[in-house]
Amino acid sequence: MSDLISSPTMPHRRFDRTARLLGDRGVEKLAASTVTVFGVGGVGSFAAEGLVRSGVGRVILVDYDRICVTNVNRQLHAMKGTLGKSKVNVMAERLRLINPDAIIETRAEFYSAETSARLLVPEPDVVIDAIDNMAAKMHLIATCVRERLRLVSAMGAAARLDPTAVRIGDLSETRVDPFARDLRRTLRRKHDLDCTKHMGVWAVFSEELPTSPQELGYDTEGFECVCPGGENGMNDCEKKNRVEGSVAFVPSVFGMTCASVAVKLLLGLPLPLPRPEEAPRPRRPTRLAPMVSDRT
């Protein structure tokens, strides 16, 4: 069909609206770009989809995990029929349906110091870090800084309810988020990175203070993991100090914001930073009213 014809000088009509915003050359540049997404969960699944729907031609998905029923509330690939399956494989199938011309590669591996060099080949034009394991996240950040790879890193997206509080900035300048503060402190100590100066790492963070998780009726002796393969020896749920709550509309905004920053970096578009005097005050977490049962 003529309305679907694409050529080196004319984008496929599935990217018609993107091309009208970015122009033919912008779409062509995205189609020739490679982005690697580390972590394909609540943030990473939306980041990956945002990239592919924007026309990025090659996306590499890295995540060792399988889909759990507890992922359904916030992860794009989690639904009936996908539980227990590989996150990267299910997400890749979805992305290929969105753009059959895109190259979607999967690496069902855990990022670590031992796997780092292999997982960063081919060298991506931009890296998106949506890893929730602190040690792995720190190593990826330190590696990208030292190898001068452009990196967009997601900070704490859980335990928050306000998607309008999501911000971007250099990792050295994040505000409010205790995860980002601890991350910088540990990067200085374990990776000898000066996090008090501009680092060149784009951080996506929230100015909303996190809310502590609530105990649920089926909790007996603390949190009990129900994920398939929950005991993987690398990032076991039951070994975590606590499991934070989350909702669909905050991690998704984090992920799409990561995709937005990546696309702008690929196209050389400006990413304005607020001056310190313009930074708003921290937002208090939303107070949840107790639920009232209508049973008697």
Protein backbone atom coordinates (compact mmCIF):
# COMPACT_ATOMS: atom_id res chain seq x y z
CA MET A 1 0.00 0.00 0.00
CA SER A 2 1.33 3.40 -0.96
CA ASP A 3 0.51 4.98 2.40
CA LEU A 4 2.84 2.53 4.13
CA ILE A 5 5.83 2.93 1.82
CA SER A 6 9.08 3.81 3.55
CA SER A 7 12.46 4.69 2.07
CA PRO A 8 15.73 6.30 3.19
CA THR A 9 14.10 9.69 2.60
CA MET A 10 10.59 8.91 3.82
CA PRO A 11 9.66 7.33 7.18
CA HIS A 12 7.13 4.56 7.56
CA ARG A 13 3.66 5.97 8.16
CA ARG A 14 3.58 4.42 11.64
CA PHE A 15 5.96 7.26 12.55
CA ASP A 16 4.05 9.96 10.69
CA ARG A 17 3.21 11.94 13.84
CA THR A 18 6.74 11.60 15.22
CA ALA A 19 8.20 12.82 11.93
CA ARG A 20 5.91 15.86 11.95
CA LEU A 21 7.46 16.79 15.30
CA LEU A 22 11.07 15.75 14.74
CA GLY A 23 11.33 15.98 10.95
CA ASP A 24 12.51 13.40 8.43
CA ARG A 25 16.14 13.66 9.53
CA GLY A 26 15.20 13.21 13.17
CA VAL A 27 13.29 10.01 12.45
CA GLU A 28 16.14 8.71 10.29
CA LYS A 29 18.64 9.36 13.06
CA LEU A 30 16.52 7.53 15.63
CA ALA A 31 16.12 4.59 13.26
CA ALA A 32 19.91 4.32 13.04
CA SER A 33 20.41 4.50 16.83
CA THR A 34 20.98 1.82 19.47
CA VAL A 35 19.79 2.05 23.07
CA THR A 36 20.40 -0.58 25.73
CA VAL A 37 17.85 -0.80 28.56
CA PHE A 38 19.08 -2.45 31.75
CA GLY A 39 16.14 -3.62 33.85
CA VAL A 40 12.79 -4.34 32.19
CA GLY A 41 10.42 -3.85 35.11
CA GLY A 42 8.02 -1.06 36.01
CA VAL A 43 10.36 1.67 34.74
CA GLY A 44 12.29 -0.23 32.09
CA SER A 45 9.31 -1.75 30.28
CA PHE A 46 7.80 1.69 29.71
CA ALA A 47 11.19 3.13 28.75
CA ALA A 48 11.69 0.40 26.14
CA GLU A 49 8.23 0.89 24.69
CA GLY A 50 8.70 4.66 24.59
CA LEU A 51 11.91 4.17 22.60
CA VAL A 52 10.38 1.81 20.06
CA ARG A 53 7.23 3.90 19.62
CA SER A 54 9.55 6.87 19.00
CA GLY A 55 11.29 5.01 16.20
CA VAL A 56 14.59 3.95 17.80
CA GLY A 57 15.81 1.27 15.42
CA ARG A 58 17.74 -1.02 17.76
CA VAL A 59 16.86 -1.69 21.38
CA ILE A 60 18.71 -4.19 23.56
CA LEU A 61 16.82 -5.47 26.62
CA VAL A 62 18.79 -6.78 29.60
CA ASP A 63 17.03 -8.48 32.52
CA TYR A 64 17.49 -11.91 34.09
CA ASP A 65 14.07 -11.98 35.77
CA ARG A 66 10.78 -13.70 34.98
CA ILE A 67 7.32 -12.13 35.21
CA CYS A 68 5.62 -12.38 38.61
CA VAL A 69 1.96 -11.88 39.50
CA THR A 70 3.05 -8.95 41.69
CA ASN A 71 4.31 -7.17 38.55
CA VAL A 72 0.82 -6.83 37.07
CA ASN A 73 0.07 -3.50 38.73
CA ARG A 74 2.91 -1.61 36.98
CA GLN A 75 4.79 -3.57 34.28
CA LEU A 76 3.71 -3.58 30.63
CA HIS A 77 4.47 -7.23 29.97
CA ALA A 78 2.71 -8.60 33.07
CA MET A 79 -0.78 -9.96 32.36
CA LYS A 80 -2.70 -13.20 32.11
CA GLY A 81 -0.73 -15.70 30.06
CA THR A 82 2.73 -14.18 30.64
CA LEU A 83 3.34 -15.04 34.30
CA GLY A 84 6.50 -17.05 34.77
CA LYS A 85 7.90 -16.13 31.36
CA SER A 86 11.11 -14.22 30.69
CA LYS A 87 10.59 -10.47 30.95
CA VAL A 88 12.92 -9.65 28.07
CA ASN A 89 11.39 -12.26 25.76
CA VAL A 90 7.78 -11.19 26.38
CA MET A 91 8.69 -7.53 26.07
CA ALA A 92 10.60 -8.18 22.86
CA GLU A 93 7.56 -9.84 21.30
CA ARG A 94 5.46 -6.82 22.20
CA LEU A 95 8.00 -4.36 20.78
CA ARG A 96 8.32 -6.28 17.50
CA LEU A 97 4.57 -5.98 17.04
CA ILE A 98 4.84 -2.22 17.52
CA ASN A 99 7.63 -1.86 14.96
CA PRO A 100 8.44 -5.01 12.94
CA ASP A 101 11.36 -3.17 11.34
CA ALA A 102 13.11 -2.57 14.67
CA ILE A 103 15.93 -4.81 15.85
CA ILE A 104 15.03 -5.99 19.35
CA GLU A 105 17.73 -8.01 21.10
CA THR A 106 17.36 -9.80 24.43
CA ARG A 107 19.92 -10.66 27.08
CA ALA A 108 18.37 -12.71 29.89
CA GLU A 109 21.26 -12.00 32.24
CA PHE A 110 21.97 -10.21 35.49
CA TYR A 111 24.20 -7.15 35.09
CA SER A 112 27.36 -7.40 37.21
CA ALA A 113 31.06 -6.62 37.11
CA GLU A 114 31.59 -10.01 35.45
CA THR A 115 28.97 -9.52 32.72
CA SER A 116 29.40 -5.77 32.17
CA ALA A 117 31.80 -5.81 29.22
CA ARG A 118 29.76 -8.40 27.33
CA LEU A 119 26.42 -6.71 27.96
CA LEU A 120 27.69 -3.35 26.73
CA VAL A 121 28.55 -4.80 23.30
CA PRO A 122 27.64 -3.48 20.83
CA GLU A 123 28.36 -0.08 22.31
CA PRO A 124 25.00 1.71 22.61
CA ASP A 125 24.42 5.31 21.67
CA VAL A 126 22.59 5.73 24.99
CA VAL A 127 22.20 3.50 28.04
CA ILE A 128 19.06 3.51 30.18
CA ASP A 129 19.56 2.24 33.71
CA ALA A 130 16.36 0.93 35.28
CA ILE A 131 18.13 -1.49 37.63
CA ASP A 132 16.82 -1.78 41.20
CA ASN A 133 19.80 -3.70 42.63
CA MET A 134 22.13 -1.16 44.27
CA ALA A 135 25.44 -2.96 43.60
CA ALA A 136 24.61 -3.59 39.95
CA LYS A 137 23.32 -0.05 39.48
CA MET A 138 26.46 1.49 40.96
CA HIS A 139 28.73 -0.60 38.76
CA LEU A 140 26.79 0.32 35.61
CA ILE A 141 26.89 4.03 36.48
CA ALA A 142 30.63 3.93 37.25
CA THR A 143 31.32 2.01 34.04
CA CYS A 144 29.36 4.44 31.87
CA VAL A 145 31.05 7.45 33.48
CA ARG A 146 34.52 6.01 32.94
CA GLU A 147 33.78 4.76 29.41
CA ARG A 148 32.05 8.06 28.53
CA LEU A 149 28.80 6.36 27.59
CA ARG A 150 25.71 8.53 27.67
CA LEU A 151 23.54 7.32 30.53
CA VAL A 152 20.02 7.99 31.79
CA SER A 153 19.54 6.53 35.26
CA ALA A 154 16.24 6.08 37.12
CA MET A 155 16.24 6.75 40.83
CA GLY A 156 13.54 5.62 43.30
CA ALA A 157 10.14 5.26 41.58
CA ALA A 158 8.48 3.08 44.23
CA ALA A 159 6.70 4.32 47.35
CA ARG A 160 5.30 7.36 45.57
CA LEU A 161 1.89 8.45 44.30
CA ASP A 162 2.50 11.75 42.50
CA PRO A 163 3.61 11.46 38.85
CA THR A 164 3.79 15.26 38.55
CA ALA A 165 6.75 15.29 40.97
CA VAL A 166 9.08 13.51 38.50
CA ARG A 167 12.13 15.59 37.48
CA ILE A 168 15.36 15.25 35.52
CA GLY A 169 18.81 16.54 36.40
CA ASP A 170 22.45 15.60 36.73
CA LEU A 171 22.93 12.83 39.28
CA SER A 172 25.01 15.21 41.40
CA GLU A 173 22.04 17.59 41.72
CA THR A 174 19.09 15.36 42.61
CA ARG A 175 16.93 16.52 45.49
CA VAL A 176 14.73 14.85 48.10
CA ASP A 177 15.18 11.25 46.95
CA PRO A 178 16.97 9.29 49.73
CA PHE A 179 17.85 6.50 47.27
CA ALA A 180 19.78 8.96 45.08
CA ARG A 181 21.53 10.42 48.12
CA ASP A 182 22.65 6.98 49.32
CA LEU A 183 23.66 6.07 45.77
CA ARG A 184 25.97 9.09 45.48
CA ARG A 185 27.51 8.42 48.89
CA THR A 186 28.25 4.80 48.02
CA LEU A 187 29.54 5.66 44.55
CA ARG A 188 32.12 7.93 46.21
CA ARG A 189 33.15 5.23 48.68
CA LYS A 190 33.15 2.13 46.47
CA HIS A 191 33.85 3.52 42.98
CA ASP A 192 35.86 6.67 43.78
CA LEU A 193 33.48 8.92 41.86
CA ASP A 194 33.24 12.58 42.85
CA CYS A 195 29.47 12.97 43.03
CA THR A 196 29.64 16.54 44.29
CA LYS A 197 30.46 17.81 40.79
CA HIS A 198 28.62 17.52 37.47
CA MET A 199 28.81 13.86 36.46
CA GLY A 200 27.19 13.84 33.03
CA VAL A 201 24.67 11.24 34.20
CA TRP A 202 21.05 12.18 33.58
CA ALA A 203 19.00 11.14 36.60
CA VAL A 204 15.21 10.77 36.61
CA PHE A 205 13.99 11.30 40.15
CA SER A 206 10.99 12.39 42.21
CA GLU A 207 10.61 15.33 44.54
CA GLU A 208 7.94 13.45 46.47
CA LEU A 209 9.08 11.94 49.74
CA PRO A 210 8.62 8.14 49.79
CA THR A 211 5.84 6.50 51.81
CA SER A 212 6.59 3.49 54.01
CA PRO A 213 4.96 0.20 52.97
CA GLN A 214 1.93 -1.03 54.87
CA GLU A 215 1.52 -4.49 56.35
CA LEU A 216 -1.13 -6.53 54.57
CA GLY A 217 -3.67 -9.01 55.86
CA TYR A 218 -1.94 -12.03 54.31
CA ASP A 219 1.49 -11.14 55.74
CA THR A 220 2.38 -13.66 58.41
CA GLU A 221 6.09 -13.57 59.23
CA GLY A 222 7.06 -10.69 57.00
CA PHE A 223 7.05 -10.57 53.20
CA GLU A 224 6.69 -13.90 51.43
CA CYS A 225 7.89 -14.04 47.81
CA VAL A 226 5.49 -15.61 45.31
CA CYS A 227 7.56 -14.85 42.20
CA PRO A 228 8.60 -17.72 39.90
CA GLY A 229 12.29 -18.33 40.43
CA GLY A 230 12.22 -15.92 43.36
CA GLU A 231 15.31 -17.55 44.82
CA ASN A 232 17.81 -16.78 42.10
CA GLY A 233 20.78 -16.02 44.34
CA MET A 234 21.23 -12.54 42.88
CA ASN A 235 18.31 -10.30 43.82
CA ASP A 236 16.00 -12.48 45.90
CA CYS A 237 12.82 -10.77 47.08
CA GLU A 238 12.93 -12.40 50.49
CA LYS A 239 16.47 -11.11 51.14
CA LYS A 240 15.37 -7.49 50.79
CA ASN A 241 15.03 -5.44 53.96
CA ARG A 242 11.54 -4.49 52.90
CA VAL A 243 9.39 -4.44 49.78
CA GLU A 244 8.11 -0.99 48.81
CA GLY A 245 4.64 -0.30 47.51
CA SER A 246 4.08 1.04 44.02
CA VAL A 247 1.39 2.15 41.60
CA ALA A 248 1.08 2.10 37.81
CA PHE A 249 1.20 5.83 37.21
CA VAL A 250 4.59 6.69 38.75
CA PRO A 251 7.01 4.04 37.37
CA SER A 252 5.42 4.50 33.94
CA VAL A 253 6.15 8.24 34.02
CA PHE A 254 9.71 7.49 35.16
CA GLY A 255 10.13 5.12 32.21
CA MET A 256 8.68 7.45 29.61
CA THR A 257 10.80 10.28 31.01
CA CYS A 258 13.89 8.09 30.61
CA ALA A 259 12.87 7.45 26.98
CA SER A 260 12.32 11.17 26.45
CA VAL A 261 15.79 12.07 27.73
CA ALA A 262 17.37 9.30 25.63
CA VAL A 263 15.63 10.49 22.45
CA LYS A 264 16.70 14.09 23.08
CA LEU A 265 20.28 12.97 23.64
CA LEU A 266 20.23 11.00 20.40
CA LEU A 267 18.93 14.00 18.48
CA GLY A 268 21.07 16.61 20.23
CA LEU A 269 18.02 18.43 21.56
CA PRO A 270 18.35 20.66 24.64
CA LEU A 271 17.62 19.31 28.10
CA PRO A 272 17.19 22.38 30.32
CA LEU A 273 18.05 22.12 33.99
CA PRO A 274 16.28 24.25 36.62
CA ARG A 275 18.50 26.70 38.46
CA PRO A 276 18.89 25.89 42.18
CA GLU A 277 16.87 28.94 43.18
CA GLU A 278 13.98 27.65 41.07
CA ALA A 279 13.87 24.24 42.71
CA PRO A 280 10.53 23.70 44.44
CA ARG A 281 10.22 22.50 48.01
CA PRO A 282 9.95 18.74 48.60
CA ARG A 283 6.46 17.31 48.27
CA ARG A 284 5.07 15.46 51.23
CA PRO A 285 3.77 11.95 50.58
CA THR A 286 0.04 11.63 50.10
CA ARG A 287 -1.75 10.62 53.27
CA LEU A 288 -3.92 7.63 52.60
CA ALA A 289 -7.24 7.62 54.45
CA PRO A 290 -8.11 4.31 56.13
CA MET A 291 -10.44 2.17 54.08
CA VAL A 292 -13.92 1.79 55.53
CA SER A 293 -15.61 -1.54 54.94
CA ASP A 294 -19.24 -1.58 53.93
CA ARG A 295 -19.67 -4.94 55.56
CA THR A 296 -21.51 -5.33 58.84
